[in-house]
Amino acid sequence: MMLLFKIVNCIKIKGLQLIITNNLFSFCRQLHVHDIIYIHRR
């Protein structure tokens, strides 16, 4: 039982890390796109 619990916890933590890094990545990409648009407008 404990082993299963540890595995599930590990998967949850990995999943959270994935979600956070994906959000950061898309956020950075959005910022990058806005920077490019801003530079082209000037």
N, C-alpha and C. Protein backbone atom coordinates (compact mmCIF):
# COMPACT_ATOMS: atom_id res chain seq x y z
N MET A 1 0.84 -1.22 0.00
CA MET A 1 0.00 0.00 0.00
C MET A 1 0.87 1.26 0.00
N MET A 2 1.88 1.26 0.88
CA MET A 2 2.73 2.46 0.97
C MET A 2 3.47 2.73 -0.34
N LEU A 3 3.92 1.66 -0.98
CA LEU A 3 4.65 1.81 -2.25
C LEU A 3 3.73 2.44 -3.30
N LEU A 4 2.50 1.95 -3.36
CA LEU A 4 1.54 2.49 -4.32
C LEU A 4 1.30 3.97 -4.03
N PHE A 5 1.16 4.30 -2.75
CA PHE A 5 0.94 5.69 -2.35
C PHE A 5 2.10 6.58 -2.80
N LYS A 6 3.33 6.07 -2.59
CA LYS A 6 4.52 6.84 -2.99
C LYS A 6 4.55 7.04 -4.49
N ILE A 7 4.20 6.00 -5.25
CA ILE A 7 4.20 6.10 -6.72
C ILE A 7 3.18 7.14 -7.17
N VAL A 8 1.98 7.08 -6.58
CA VAL A 8 0.94 8.04 -6.96
C VAL A 8 1.39 9.46 -6.63
N ASN A 9 1.99 9.64 -5.46
CA ASN A 9 2.49 10.96 -5.06
C ASN A 9 3.54 11.46 -6.03
N CYS A 10 4.44 10.58 -6.42
CA CYS A 10 5.51 10.94 -7.35
C CYS A 10 4.91 11.38 -8.68
N ILE A 11 3.92 10.64 -9.16
CA ILE A 11 3.27 10.98 -10.43
C ILE A 11 2.58 12.34 -10.31
N LYS A 12 1.92 12.59 -9.18
CA LYS A 12 1.24 13.87 -8.97
C LYS A 12 2.23 15.02 -9.03
N ILE A 13 3.37 14.84 -8.32
CA ILE A 13 4.38 15.90 -8.29
C ILE A 13 4.94 16.13 -9.69
N LYS A 14 5.24 15.06 -10.41
CA LYS A 14 5.75 15.18 -11.78
C LYS A 14 4.72 15.88 -12.66
N GLY A 15 3.45 15.52 -12.49
CA GLY A 15 2.38 16.14 -13.28
C GLY A 15 2.30 17.63 -13.00
N LEU A 16 2.39 17.99 -11.73
CA LEU A 16 2.34 19.41 -11.35
C LEU A 16 3.51 20.16 -11.97
N GLN A 17 4.71 19.55 -11.89
CA GLN A 17 5.89 20.18 -12.48
C GLN A 17 5.69 20.39 -13.97
N LEU A 18 5.12 19.38 -14.64
CA LEU A 18 4.87 19.48 -16.08
C LEU A 18 3.92 20.63 -16.37
N ILE A 19 2.82 20.71 -15.60
CA ILE A 19 1.83 21.77 -15.82
C ILE A 19 2.48 23.13 -15.61
N ILE A 20 3.26 23.26 -14.54
CA ILE A 20 3.89 24.55 -14.24
C ILE A 20 4.87 24.95 -15.34
N THR A 21 5.71 23.99 -15.78
CA THR A 21 6.68 24.33 -16.82
C THR A 21 5.99 24.64 -18.14
N ASN A 22 4.90 23.93 -18.43
CA ASN A 22 4.15 24.20 -19.66
C ASN A 22 3.57 25.61 -19.61
N ASN A 23 3.01 26.00 -18.44
CA ASN A 23 2.44 27.34 -18.29
C ASN A 23 3.52 28.40 -18.44
N LEU A 24 4.66 28.18 -17.81
CA LEU A 24 5.77 29.12 -17.93
C LEU A 24 6.22 29.25 -19.37
N PHE A 25 6.31 28.10 -20.05
CA PHE A 25 6.78 28.08 -21.43
C PHE A 25 5.83 28.87 -22.33
N SER A 26 4.52 28.62 -22.20
CA SER A 26 3.55 29.32 -23.05
C SER A 26 3.53 30.81 -22.69
N PHE A 27 3.70 31.12 -21.40
CA PHE A 27 3.74 32.52 -20.96
C PHE A 27 4.92 33.24 -21.60
N CYS A 28 6.09 32.58 -21.57
CA CYS A 28 7.30 33.16 -22.17
C CYS A 28 7.11 33.34 -23.67
N ARG A 29 6.47 32.35 -24.32
CA ARG A 29 6.25 32.47 -25.76
C ARG A 29 5.33 33.64 -26.07
N GLN A 30 4.29 33.81 -25.26
CA GLN A 30 3.37 34.93 -25.47
C GLN A 30 4.11 36.25 -25.32
N LEU A 31 4.94 36.34 -24.27
CA LEU A 31 5.73 37.56 -24.04
C LEU A 31 6.62 37.83 -25.24
N HIS A 32 7.26 36.78 -25.73
CA HIS A 32 8.17 36.90 -26.87
C HIS A 32 7.42 37.42 -28.10
N VAL A 33 6.25 36.86 -28.34
CA VAL A 33 5.45 37.29 -29.49
C VAL A 33 5.06 38.77 -29.35
N HIS A 34 4.65 39.17 -28.12
CA HIS A 34 4.27 40.56 -27.91
C HIS A 34 5.47 41.48 -28.13
N ASP A 35 6.64 41.04 -27.68
CA ASP A 35 7.85 41.84 -27.88
C ASP A 35 8.12 42.04 -29.36
N ILE A 36 7.97 40.98 -30.15
CA ILE A 36 8.23 41.06 -31.59
C ILE A 36 7.23 42.02 -32.24
N ILE A 37 5.94 41.89 -31.87
CA ILE A 37 4.91 42.78 -32.44
C ILE A 37 5.23 44.23 -32.07
N TYR A 38 5.62 44.44 -30.82
CA TYR A 38 5.93 45.78 -30.34
C TYR A 38 7.10 46.39 -31.12
N ILE A 39 8.12 45.56 -31.35
CA ILE A 39 9.30 46.03 -32.08
C ILE A 39 8.92 46.37 -33.52
N HIS A 40 8.08 45.55 -34.15
CA HIS A 40 7.69 45.79 -35.54
C HIS A 40 6.84 47.04 -35.67
N ARG A 41 6.09 47.38 -34.63
CA ARG A 41 5.20 48.55 -34.71
C ARG A 41 5.98 49.85 -34.69
N ARG A 42 7.15 49.84 -34.01
CA ARG A 42 7.90 51.08 -33.85
C ARG A 42 8.52 51.59 -35.13
